[in-house]
């Protein structure tokens, strides 16, 4: 399948990759027809999605199965009046109905809006009004159904609420009855153009209301590199990305690139994350490829790994935060596998990565994905030199790269603020070493200016996290008459250290940071807390800490 979109599929070096990676984009590309249905026609018995849950259920869906169920779902959605361009929000956790629904929406030409089940009534109302959402399809369990029901009177454009069961509150349609009673599906005469909006995500909103990141129908092709050359997948792979379908990480690791590469996608539908359960799934199902944030790997290596056969693992990737060297080394020693880091945003596909032919540098995001023209710019527009901090930008003067978002929906001002003069400005700061590897510093808004130094919170947080007393932390700047700002650490302590909270532990943590990173970056102020302010997606709201400290 991948050969349809690449003139060269195997690469021996980064130079070869940069020179010869070329993604061909067909006219009016549609993932539902051109990938899912194409596989179903060529190899209907090919494994597509291996779904399991914490109740012991297990279903292997083939491409023949996916075509049948997505056609049934598309037919039912059409009977409800869902048409090209209509917005449908999917709050489906890790339920297999997510794949039925999102692919069906692609086949119709409608806009899928994946969302987390952690939304409140207020969040749902905001999203429905901001995006003119016409229908919500939700996992039929938990408090989310109540929040949807409570929100509906304040969402005049919301015509349908659908539950997948087992709960069906008054006013909700039954997903399974609906698709089972649907008429045979007929492909609409006009489904989409490449520039139509296919997918939208509400970003986390660490400094304000969430933005609506809109991707067009070519977006899945941008994830060819994510799956084939970062996850290193092949047709024999059973790939497991640990992510809820409400977040963009699911688009990175649980559908588009993986299906184009021909891998079988593993899904574990569970309510509570338990490291031992993840290891047991790798053991039981012989998973070959794993992608998870560094935090997950930190939990995994604390388990007694001798209880599990992990020999099926061929390749592992990580993103979301800097990887601590000790985690990298421990995982390598136990499994023989090097963790390969990557970086990107909701607005992009993988933009920087450590690829199979490269030697990883733990803590580095890797090098640019050649489908993007990436650079680092200083505030004055000058290109950052080696070792200098600069904002990560993507050049678009020669055209929009495949995978880059289309716009912030209904927000021209915000779009032009980040995308102008032939650059998309990511808002993320990094520096580049002599080998061309990029190292994350932090969000531009979060950088601390102290005594002439520019200090990124990410590196200080990473240093603090290597101390056993620290479970979680946030680094911010607090006003200081002499230095302008000084570094502050807001810290959640491990249970066994909470009784030791005091001046001696503060000094111990400060000395630890001085040893791990440049001494001038150490936190002069440390506050111990029970929780950190966070967005709905779990990102720390440093702005809230700064506002509190400035009062």
Protein backbone atom coordinates (compact mmCIF):
# COMPACT_ATOMS: atom_id res chain seq x y z
CA UNK A 1 0.00 0.00 0.00
CA UNK A 2 2.74 2.43 0.96
CA UNK A 3 4.32 2.05 -2.49
CA UNK A 4 1.34 3.93 -3.96
CA UNK A 5 2.47 7.11 -2.24
CA UNK A 6 6.28 6.88 -2.21
CA UNK A 7 8.66 6.49 -5.15
CA UNK A 8 11.30 5.11 -2.75
CA UNK A 9 10.36 3.19 0.40
CA UNK A 10 13.70 2.05 1.86
CA UNK A 11 16.39 4.46 3.09
CA UNK A 12 19.90 3.74 4.34
CA UNK A 13 20.85 7.07 5.89
CA UNK A 14 19.50 10.48 6.81
CA UNK A 15 21.11 11.91 3.67
CA UNK A 16 19.27 9.32 1.55
CA UNK A 17 16.04 10.12 3.44
CA UNK A 18 16.36 13.88 2.91
CA UNK A 19 17.19 13.52 -0.76
CA UNK A 20 14.66 10.88 -1.80
CA UNK A 21 11.58 11.05 0.44
CA UNK A 22 8.72 12.24 -1.76
CA UNK A 23 5.06 11.78 -0.84
CA UNK A 24 2.64 11.61 -3.76
CA UNK A 25 -0.79 13.05 -2.96
CA UNK A 26 -3.64 11.75 -5.16
CA UNK A 27 -6.43 14.09 -6.19
CA UNK A 28 -9.38 14.02 -3.75
CA UNK A 29 -7.60 11.56 -1.44
CA UNK A 30 -9.92 9.88 1.07
CA UNK A 31 -8.49 7.62 3.76
CA UNK A 32 -11.71 5.59 4.02
CA UNK A 33 -11.78 4.59 0.38
CA UNK A 34 -8.13 4.82 -0.66
CA UNK A 35 -6.69 2.95 2.33
CA UNK A 36 -9.30 1.00 4.31
CA UNK A 37 -11.42 -0.10 1.34
CA UNK A 38 -8.35 -0.60 -0.85
CA UNK A 39 -6.91 -3.05 1.70
CA UNK A 40 -10.33 -4.74 1.95
CA UNK A 41 -10.40 -5.25 -1.81
CA UNK A 42 -6.81 -6.48 -2.09
CA UNK A 43 -6.61 -8.52 1.12
CA UNK A 44 -9.93 -8.70 2.98
CA UNK A 45 -8.54 -11.17 5.55
CA UNK A 46 -5.58 -8.95 6.45
CA UNK A 47 -5.52 -8.06 10.15
CA UNK A 48 -6.23 -4.38 10.82
CA UNK A 49 -7.22 -3.84 14.46
CA UNK A 50 -6.73 -6.12 17.47
CA UNK A 51 -9.03 -4.79 20.19
CA UNK A 52 -8.89 -5.97 23.80
CA UNK A 53 -10.24 -4.64 27.07
CA UNK A 54 -9.79 -5.05 30.83
CA UNK A 55 -12.79 -7.41 30.98
CA UNK A 56 -11.02 -10.13 29.03
CA UNK A 57 -12.67 -9.49 25.65
CA UNK A 58 -10.63 -9.71 22.46
CA UNK A 59 -11.69 -9.05 18.84
CA UNK A 60 -9.46 -9.16 15.78
CA UNK A 61 -10.93 -6.99 13.03
CA UNK A 62 -9.77 -7.57 9.47
CA UNK A 63 -10.00 -5.01 6.67
CA UNK A 64 -13.01 -6.88 5.36
CA UNK A 65 -14.62 -6.37 8.78
CA UNK A 66 -13.68 -2.69 8.87
CA UNK A 67 -15.11 -2.03 5.44
CA UNK A 68 -18.39 -3.71 6.38
CA UNK A 69 -18.77 -1.92 9.71
CA UNK A 70 -17.66 1.49 8.44
CA UNK A 71 -20.07 1.21 5.50
CA UNK A 72 -22.91 0.35 7.91
CA UNK A 73 -21.96 3.28 10.14
CA UNK A 74 -21.68 5.70 7.21
CA UNK A 75 -25.08 4.61 5.91
CA UNK A 76 -26.68 5.20 9.31
CA UNK A 77 -25.02 8.59 9.73
CA UNK A 78 -26.31 9.59 6.28
CA UNK A 79 -29.83 8.54 7.28
CA UNK A 80 -29.54 10.94 10.24
CA UNK A 81 -28.72 13.78 7.88
CA UNK A 82 -24.95 13.90 8.42
CA UNK A 83 -23.43 15.28 5.24
CA UNK A 84 -20.19 16.59 3.80
CA UNK A 85 -18.74 19.26 6.07
CA UNK A 86 -20.96 18.50 9.09
CA UNK A 87 -19.17 18.37 12.44
CA UNK A 88 -19.41 15.24 14.60
CA UNK A 89 -17.70 14.93 17.99
CA UNK A 90 -16.42 11.48 18.99
CA UNK A 91 -16.03 10.83 22.73
CA UNK A 92 -15.23 7.14 22.50
CA UNK A 93 -12.29 6.48 24.83
CA UNK A 94 -10.66 3.34 23.38
CA UNK A 95 -13.85 1.69 22.19
CA UNK A 96 -13.67 -0.01 18.79
CA UNK A 97 -16.66 2.07 17.70
CA UNK A 98 -14.20 4.96 17.37
CA UNK A 99 -12.65 3.35 14.28
CA UNK A 100 -16.08 2.56 12.82
CA UNK A 101 -17.19 6.16 13.33
CA UNK A 102 -14.15 8.15 12.26
CA UNK A 103 -13.64 6.15 9.05
CA UNK A 104 -17.37 6.40 8.29
CA UNK A 105 -17.20 10.18 8.69
CA UNK A 106 -14.26 10.26 6.28
CA UNK A 107 -16.31 8.29 3.75
CA UNK A 108 -19.13 10.82 4.02
CA UNK A 109 -16.82 13.84 3.86
CA UNK A 110 -17.93 15.01 7.30
CA UNK A 111 -15.61 16.49 9.93
CA UNK A 112 -14.55 14.26 12.83
CA UNK A 113 -13.76 15.96 16.16
CA UNK A 114 -12.21 13.46 18.60
CA UNK A 115 -12.55 14.53 22.23
CA UNK A 116 -11.74 13.27 25.70
CA UNK A 117 -14.30 11.74 28.06
CA UNK A 118 -13.01 14.14 30.74
CA UNK A 119 -15.05 17.01 29.28
CA UNK A 120 -17.50 18.77 31.58
CA UNK A 121 -20.87 20.30 30.69
CA UNK A 122 -19.15 23.68 30.18
CA UNK A 123 -16.51 22.15 27.88
CA UNK A 124 -19.15 20.44 25.75
CA UNK A 125 -21.23 23.59 25.37
CA UNK A 126 -18.14 25.58 24.37
CA UNK A 127 -17.12 23.03 21.75
CA UNK A 128 -20.60 22.60 20.31
CA UNK A 129 -21.03 26.33 19.83
CA UNK A 130 -17.47 27.03 18.64
CA UNK A 131 -17.53 24.30 15.97
CA UNK A 132 -21.30 24.06 15.25
CA UNK A 133 -21.30 20.39 16.19
CA UNK A 134 -24.30 18.52 14.78
CA UNK A 135 -23.91 15.14 16.51
CA UNK A 136 -22.01 13.57 19.41
CA UNK A 137 -21.15 9.86 19.51
CA UNK A 138 -20.04 8.77 22.98
CA UNK A 139 -18.95 5.69 24.89
CA UNK A 140 -22.07 4.64 26.80
CA UNK A 141 -20.68 4.56 30.30
CA UNK A 142 -19.53 6.91 33.03
CA UNK A 143 -20.28 10.52 33.83
CA UNK A 144 -19.75 11.81 30.29
CA UNK A 145 -23.28 10.82 29.22
CA UNK A 146 -24.71 12.94 32.02
CA UNK A 147 -22.57 15.91 31.01
CA UNK A 148 -23.73 15.58 27.40
CA UNK A 149 -27.37 15.36 28.48
CA UNK A 150 -26.99 18.41 30.71
CA UNK A 151 -25.30 20.38 27.91
CA UNK A 152 -27.81 19.59 25.16
CA UNK A 153 -30.38 22.31 26.04
CA UNK A 154 -27.61 24.92 25.64
CA UNK A 155 -26.41 23.51 22.29
CA UNK A 156 -29.09 24.52 19.78
CA UNK A 157 -27.19 23.15 16.78
CA UNK A 158 -26.70 19.70 18.32
CA UNK A 159 -29.28 17.44 16.66
CA UNK A 160 -28.26 13.98 17.89
CA UNK A 161 -26.54 12.33 20.84
CA UNK A 162 -25.53 8.71 20.34
CA UNK A 163 -24.43 6.11 22.90
CA UNK A 164 -22.51 2.92 22.16
CA UNK A 165 -23.92 1.33 25.33
CA UNK A 166 -24.41 -0.25 27.74
CA UNK A 167 -26.15 2.90 29.04
CA UNK A 168 -28.70 4.78 26.91
CA UNK A 169 -30.06 7.89 28.67
CA UNK A 170 -33.31 9.42 27.48
CA UNK A 171 -32.79 11.24 24.21
CA UNK A 172 -29.76 9.17 23.14
CA UNK A 173 -29.76 6.95 20.05
CA UNK A 174 -28.45 3.38 20.22
CA UNK A 175 -25.31 3.15 18.03
CA UNK A 176 -25.46 -0.59 17.44
CA UNK A 177 -29.18 -0.73 16.66
CA UNK A 178 -28.65 2.13 14.28
CA UNK A 179 -25.86 0.58 12.24
CA UNK A 180 -27.45 -2.88 12.23
CA UNK A 181 -30.65 -1.47 10.74
CA UNK A 182 -28.93 0.71 8.18
CA UNK A 183 -29.59 0.42 4.45
CA UNK A 184 -26.78 -0.71 2.11
CA UNK A 185 -24.19 2.04 1.79
CA UNK A 186 -23.76 3.99 -1.42
CA UNK A 187 -20.77 6.27 -1.83
CA UNK A 188 -21.88 9.91 -2.18
CA UNK A 189 -21.30 11.42 -5.60
CA UNK A 190 -19.02 14.13 -4.21
CA UNK A 191 -17.22 13.33 -0.99
CA UNK A 192 -14.30 15.73 -0.60
CA UNK A 193 -11.47 17.67 -2.12
CA UNK A 194 -7.99 17.56 -0.65
CA UNK A 195 -8.43 20.98 0.96
CA UNK A 196 -11.71 20.18 2.75
CA UNK A 197 -11.51 19.87 6.54
CA UNK A 198 -11.41 16.21 7.57
CA UNK A 199 -10.40 16.33 11.23
CA UNK A 200 -10.38 18.89 14.04
CA UNK A 201 -8.88 18.90 17.51
CA UNK A 202 -9.43 21.32 20.34
CA UNK A 203 -5.98 22.05 21.75
CA UNK A 204 -5.33 22.04 25.48
CA UNK A 205 -5.58 25.76 26.06
CA UNK A 206 -2.76 26.23 28.62
CA UNK A 207 -3.10 30.02 28.30
CA UNK A 208 -6.71 30.49 27.19
CA UNK A 209 -9.67 28.86 25.51
CA UNK A 210 -8.77 25.85 23.33
CA UNK A 211 -8.00 26.54 19.68
CA UNK A 212 -9.61 24.45 16.93
CA UNK A 213 -6.84 22.84 14.88
CA UNK A 214 -8.25 21.90 11.47
CA UNK A 215 -6.59 19.28 9.22
CA UNK A 216 -7.50 18.62 5.61
CA UNK A 217 -8.01 15.26 3.86
CA UNK A 218 -4.31 14.89 3.00
CA UNK A 219 -3.36 14.76 6.69
CA UNK A 220 -3.22 10.91 6.93
CA UNK A 221 -0.49 10.82 4.27
CA UNK A 222 1.66 13.03 6.47
CA UNK A 223 1.76 10.18 8.99
CA UNK A 224 3.53 7.83 6.58
CA UNK A 225 6.81 9.03 8.09
CA UNK A 226 5.42 8.79 11.64
CA UNK A 227 4.52 5.12 11.26
CA UNK A 228 6.93 3.70 8.70
CA UNK A 229 10.11 5.59 9.53
CA UNK A 230 9.75 6.61 13.18
CA UNK A 231 7.73 3.70 14.60
CA UNK A 232 9.62 1.58 12.03
CA UNK A 233 6.53 -0.49 11.21
CA UNK A 234 6.13 -3.19 8.60
CA UNK A 235 3.31 -5.54 7.58
CA UNK A 236 4.20 -8.01 10.31
CA UNK A 237 4.07 -5.40 13.09
CA UNK A 238 1.58 -5.43 15.95
CA UNK A 239 1.80 -1.82 17.10
CA UNK A 240 0.65 -0.46 20.46
CA UNK A 241 0.46 3.30 21.07
CA UNK A 242 -0.69 4.11 24.58
CA UNK A 243 -3.20 6.93 24.06
CA UNK A 244 -6.89 7.68 24.42
CA UNK A 245 -8.67 8.36 21.12
CA UNK A 246 -9.62 11.83 22.34
CA UNK A 247 -6.09 13.13 21.83
CA UNK A 248 -4.09 13.78 18.65
CA UNK A 249 -1.57 11.13 19.77
CA UNK A 250 -4.16 8.56 18.69
CA UNK A 251 -4.06 9.96 15.15
CA UNK A 252 -0.29 9.58 15.32
CA UNK A 253 -0.28 6.00 16.53
CA UNK A 254 -3.63 4.24 16.25
CA UNK A 255 -4.98 4.69 12.73
CA UNK A 256 -3.56 6.58 9.74
CA UNK A 257 0.13 5.86 9.26
CA UNK A 258 -0.15 2.41 10.81
CA UNK A 259 -2.84 1.30 8.34
CA UNK A 260 -0.98 2.78 5.37
CA UNK A 261 2.13 0.86 6.49
CA UNK A 262 0.06 -2.34 6.78
CA UNK A 263 0.61 -2.91 10.51
CA UNK A 264 -1.94 -4.52 12.81
CA UNK A 265 -3.01 -1.97 15.46
CA UNK A 266 -3.27 -3.15 19.05
CA UNK A 267 -5.82 -1.47 21.34
CA UNK A 268 -6.22 -2.01 25.07
CA UNK A 269 -9.47 -0.49 26.35
CA UNK A 270 -9.05 0.08 30.07
CA UNK A 271 -10.29 2.41 32.78
CA UNK A 272 -7.14 2.66 34.91
CA UNK A 273 -3.52 2.59 33.79
CA UNK A 274 -1.59 -0.20 35.50
CA UNK A 275 2.01 -0.85 34.38
CA UNK A 276 1.73 -4.57 35.07
CA UNK A 277 -1.30 -4.82 32.77
CA UNK A 278 0.61 -3.18 29.90
CA UNK A 279 3.50 -5.60 30.35
CA UNK A 280 1.09 -8.52 30.48
CA UNK A 281 -0.47 -7.43 27.16
CA UNK A 282 2.96 -7.32 25.52
CA UNK A 283 3.62 -10.79 26.93
CA UNK A 284 0.24 -12.30 25.97
CA UNK A 285 -0.21 -10.83 22.49
CA UNK A 286 3.45 -10.71 21.38
CA UNK A 287 3.34 -6.99 20.62
CA UNK A 288 6.24 -5.97 18.38
CA UNK A 289 6.16 -2.17 18.57
CA UNK A 290 5.39 0.17 21.47
CA UNK A 291 5.01 3.96 21.62
CA UNK A 292 4.46 5.76 24.93
CA UNK A 293 5.60 8.91 26.73
CA UNK A 294 8.74 8.68 28.90
CA UNK A 295 6.57 8.67 32.04
CA UNK A 296 5.07 5.33 31.00
CA UNK A 297 8.52 3.81 30.45
CA UNK A 298 9.54 5.08 33.91
CA UNK A 299 6.62 3.12 35.38
CA UNK A 300 7.35 0.02 33.31
CA UNK A 301 10.98 -0.33 34.38
CA UNK A 302 9.96 -0.16 38.05
CA UNK A 303 8.06 -3.43 37.63
CA UNK A 304 9.64 -6.87 37.97
CA UNK A 305 10.21 -7.40 34.25
CA UNK A 306 11.48 -10.95 34.79
CA UNK A 307 7.81 -11.99 35.10
CA UNK A 308 7.11 -11.10 31.47
CA UNK A 309 8.37 -12.31 28.13
CA UNK A 310 9.11 -9.10 26.21
CA UNK A 311 11.15 -10.79 23.50
CA UNK A 312 8.52 -10.01 20.85
CA UNK A 313 9.33 -6.28 21.09
CA UNK A 314 11.30 -5.14 18.06
CA UNK A 315 11.12 -1.35 18.31
CA UNK A 316 10.03 1.30 20.82
CA UNK A 317 9.43 5.04 20.47
CA UNK A 318 8.66 7.88 22.84
CA UNK A 319 7.52 11.51 22.74
CA UNK A 320 5.77 14.13 24.85
CA UNK A 321 8.66 15.09 27.12
CA UNK A 322 12.42 14.74 27.27
CA UNK A 323 13.63 11.20 27.91
CA UNK A 324 15.79 10.82 31.01
CA UNK A 325 19.10 9.07 30.30
CA UNK A 326 18.70 6.63 33.20
CA UNK A 327 15.33 5.47 31.83
CA UNK A 328 16.89 5.00 28.38
CA UNK A 329 19.82 3.02 29.79
CA UNK A 330 17.68 0.84 32.08
CA UNK A 331 15.22 -0.03 29.32
CA UNK A 332 18.07 -0.79 26.91
CA UNK A 333 19.77 -3.04 29.46
CA UNK A 334 16.58 -4.99 30.17
CA UNK A 335 15.18 -5.30 26.64
CA UNK A 336 18.09 -4.60 24.32
CA UNK A 337 15.96 -1.93 22.64
CA UNK A 338 16.94 1.72 22.17
CA UNK A 339 14.12 4.16 22.82
CA UNK A 340 13.75 6.46 19.78
CA UNK A 341 12.42 9.95 20.52
CA UNK A 342 10.27 12.22 18.39
CA UNK A 343 8.48 15.56 18.46
CA UNK A 344 5.48 17.24 16.89
CA UNK A 345 2.28 19.10 17.69
CA UNK A 346 -1.46 18.75 17.24
CA UNK A 347 -0.91 21.10 14.28
CA UNK A 348 1.58 18.72 12.61
CA UNK A 349 2.59 15.14 12.15
CA UNK A 350 6.05 14.02 13.35
CA UNK A 351 8.33 17.00 12.70
CA UNK A 352 11.53 15.85 14.40
CA UNK A 353 12.52 12.28 15.04
CA UNK A 354 15.20 9.70 15.69
CA UNK A 355 15.05 7.35 12.73
CA UNK A 356 16.17 3.70 12.48
CA UNK A 357 19.48 4.45 10.77
CA UNK A 358 20.45 6.98 13.48
CA UNK A 359 22.17 6.68 16.86
CA UNK A 360 19.81 8.17 19.46
CA UNK A 361 20.92 10.83 21.92
CA UNK A 362 18.69 10.39 24.98
CA UNK A 363 16.84 13.64 25.68
CA UNK A 364 17.09 14.86 22.09
CA UNK A 365 14.05 15.08 19.80
CA UNK A 366 16.19 13.95 16.87
CA UNK A 367 16.50 15.58 13.45
CA UNK A 368 13.98 17.11 11.03
CA UNK A 369 11.52 14.93 9.15
CA UNK A 370 12.37 15.80 5.52
CA UNK A 371 8.72 16.40 4.62
CA UNK A 372 9.07 19.60 6.67
CA UNK A 373 11.59 22.42 6.05
CA UNK A 374 12.50 23.16 9.67
CA UNK A 375 14.73 25.80 11.18
CA UNK A 376 15.38 27.70 14.42
CA UNK A 377 14.85 31.47 14.42
CA UNK A 378 15.92 34.09 16.94
CA UNK A 379 13.43 36.83 17.95
CA UNK A 380 15.10 39.23 15.48
CA UNK A 381 14.55 36.79 12.59
CA UNK A 382 18.15 35.61 12.50
CA UNK A 383 18.85 31.90 12.09
CA UNK A 384 20.06 30.40 15.39
CA UNK A 385 23.60 29.06 15.33
CA UNK A 386 24.67 25.74 16.86
CA UNK A 387 24.03 25.79 20.60
CA UNK A 388 21.79 28.87 20.40
CA UNK A 389 18.16 28.77 21.43
CA UNK A 390 15.60 29.62 18.78
CA UNK A 391 11.95 29.04 17.98
CA UNK A 392 11.18 25.96 15.90
CA UNK A 393 9.63 27.14 12.61
CA UNK A 394 8.40 25.37 9.49
CA UNK A 395 8.98 27.11 6.17
CA UNK A 396 5.87 27.24 3.98
CA UNK A 397 6.96 29.73 1.30
CA UNK A 398 7.23 26.86 -1.21
CA UNK A 399 3.88 25.34 -0.24
CA UNK A 400 2.14 23.71 2.72
CA UNK A 401 3.86 20.46 3.72
CA UNK A 402 1.73 17.31 3.81
CA UNK A 403 0.63 16.90 7.43
CA UNK A 404 0.69 20.56 8.46
CA UNK A 405 -2.68 21.86 9.65
CA UNK A 406 -4.95 23.94 7.43
CA UNK A 407 -5.91 26.66 9.91
CA UNK A 408 -7.24 27.47 13.35
CA UNK A 409 -10.90 27.08 12.50
CA UNK A 410 -12.89 30.34 12.63
CA UNK A 411 -9.90 32.23 14.01
CA UNK A 412 -8.11 34.10 11.24
CA UNK A 413 -6.27 36.32 13.73
CA UNK A 414 -4.80 33.37 15.64
CA UNK A 415 -3.86 31.63 12.38
CA UNK A 416 -2.04 34.70 11.06
CA UNK A 417 -0.36 35.25 14.42
CA UNK A 418 1.43 31.89 14.19
CA UNK A 419 1.61 31.51 10.40
CA UNK A 420 3.00 34.48 8.47
CA UNK A 421 5.81 35.57 6.14
CA UNK A 422 6.27 32.04 4.84
CA UNK A 423 6.75 30.47 8.29
CA UNK A 424 4.58 28.50 10.67
CA UNK A 425 5.92 29.42 14.11
CA UNK A 426 5.42 26.54 16.53
CA UNK A 427 5.91 28.57 19.72
CA UNK A 428 8.40 25.93 20.92
CA UNK A 429 12.03 26.75 21.66
CA UNK A 430 14.95 24.42 21.04
CA UNK A 431 18.65 24.39 20.29
CA UNK A 432 20.61 22.38 17.72
CA UNK A 433 23.90 20.60 18.40
CA UNK A 434 26.86 20.09 16.09
CA UNK A 435 25.36 16.87 14.69
CA UNK A 436 22.06 18.52 13.78
CA UNK A 437 20.07 17.01 16.67
CA UNK A 438 17.43 19.26 18.24
CA UNK A 439 16.95 19.64 22.01
CA UNK A 440 13.70 20.95 23.47
CA UNK A 441 13.84 24.02 25.74
CA UNK A 442 10.18 24.91 26.35
CA UNK A 443 7.27 27.00 25.15
CA UNK A 444 8.31 30.54 24.22
CA UNK A 445 5.87 31.94 26.79
CA UNK A 446 7.39 29.81 29.56
CA UNK A 447 11.05 30.79 29.15
CA UNK A 448 12.53 32.46 32.25
CA UNK A 449 14.83 35.48 31.89
CA UNK A 450 17.14 35.66 34.91
CA UNK A 451 20.32 37.79 35.22
CA UNK A 452 20.69 37.86 31.44
CA UNK A 453 20.20 34.10 31.06
CA UNK A 454 17.28 32.54 29.16
CA UNK A 455 16.27 29.40 31.03
CA UNK A 456 13.84 26.87 29.59
CA UNK A 457 11.65 25.09 32.16
CA UNK A 458 11.90 21.72 30.43
CA UNK A 459 15.56 21.10 31.22
CA UNK A 460 15.20 22.09 34.87
CA UNK A 461 12.08 19.94 35.25
CA UNK A 462 13.90 17.01 33.67
CA UNK A 463 16.81 17.47 36.09
CA UNK A 464 14.51 17.61 39.12
CA UNK A 465 12.62 14.53 37.97
CA UNK A 466 15.77 12.43 38.28
CA UNK A 467 15.64 12.86 42.07
CA UNK A 468 13.63 10.08 43.77
CA UNK A 469 11.77 12.59 45.96
CA UNK A 470 10.08 14.25 42.98
CA UNK A 471 6.93 12.73 41.48
CA UNK A 472 6.01 15.77 39.37
CA UNK A 473 7.10 19.39 39.10
CA UNK A 474 6.61 22.67 37.25
CA UNK A 475 9.29 25.28 36.67
CA UNK A 476 8.28 28.95 36.42
CA UNK A 477 9.83 32.37 36.88
CA UNK A 478 8.96 34.60 39.81
CA UNK A 479 9.70 38.36 39.90
CA UNK A 480 12.97 39.39 41.54
CA UNK A 481 14.20 42.98 42.00
CA UNK A 482 17.84 42.14 41.32
CA UNK A 483 17.71 39.34 38.75
CA UNK A 484 14.44 40.26 36.99
CA UNK A 485 13.20 36.72 37.54
CA UNK A 486 14.41 33.72 39.50
CA UNK A 487 13.64 30.07 38.89
CA UNK A 488 10.89 28.55 41.01
CA UNK A 489 10.05 24.85 41.30
CA UNK A 490 6.58 23.77 42.34
CA UNK A 491 7.01 20.16 43.43
CA UNK A 492 4.83 17.17 44.26
CA UNK A 493 6.78 14.85 46.55
CA UNK A 494 6.80 11.06 46.61
CA UNK A 495 4.88 9.68 49.59
CA UNK A 496 8.01 8.58 51.45
CA UNK A 497 9.49 12.11 51.25
CA UNK A 498 6.47 14.17 52.30
CA UNK A 499 7.41 14.09 55.98
CA UNK A 500 10.85 15.46 55.04
CA UNK A 501 9.49 18.59 53.31
CA UNK A 502 11.54 21.48 54.65
CA UNK A 503 14.77 23.48 54.26
CA UNK A 504 17.05 20.44 54.19
CA UNK A 505 15.15 18.79 51.33
CA UNK A 506 15.01 22.13 49.49
CA UNK A 507 18.80 22.36 49.69
CA UNK A 508 19.18 18.72 48.59
CA UNK A 509 17.01 19.29 45.51
CA UNK A 510 18.84 22.51 44.64
CA UNK A 511 22.22 20.79 44.87
CA UNK A 512 20.91 17.90 42.79
CA UNK A 513 19.85 20.23 39.94
CA UNK A 514 23.26 21.96 40.04
CA UNK A 515 24.93 18.59 39.46
CA UNK A 516 22.59 17.46 36.67
CA UNK A 517 22.47 20.68 34.64
CA UNK A 518 24.14 24.10 34.51
CA UNK A 519 24.29 25.45 38.09
CA UNK A 520 22.77 28.85 37.18
CA UNK A 521 19.52 27.09 36.30
CA UNK A 522 18.85 25.74 39.78
CA UNK A 523 15.53 26.72 41.44
CA UNK A 524 16.15 29.41 44.06
CA UNK A 525 12.56 29.00 45.23
CA UNK A 526 10.93 25.60 45.88
CA UNK A 527 7.32 25.12 46.94
CA UNK A 528 5.90 21.72 47.88
CA UNK A 529 2.27 21.12 46.83
CA UNK A 530 -0.22 18.26 46.63
CA UNK A 531 -1.27 18.97 43.03
CA UNK A 532 -0.42 21.11 40.02
CA UNK A 533 -2.92 23.15 37.96
CA UNK A 534 -3.54 21.34 34.68
CA UNK A 535 -5.53 21.50 31.48
CA UNK A 536 -8.09 18.84 30.63
CA UNK A 537 -5.42 16.96 28.68
CA UNK A 538 -3.09 16.86 31.66
CA UNK A 539 -0.67 19.61 30.59
CA UNK A 540 0.61 21.81 33.39
CA UNK A 541 -0.80 25.36 33.39
CA UNK A 542 2.36 27.24 34.30
CA UNK A 543 0.51 30.47 33.55
CA UNK A 544 -1.74 29.82 36.54
CA UNK A 545 1.27 29.37 38.82
CA UNK A 546 2.83 32.61 37.47
CA UNK A 547 -0.40 34.55 37.99
CA UNK A 548 -0.66 33.31 41.58
CA UNK A 549 2.96 34.27 42.33
CA UNK A 550 2.61 37.75 40.82
CA UNK A 551 -0.26 38.76 43.12
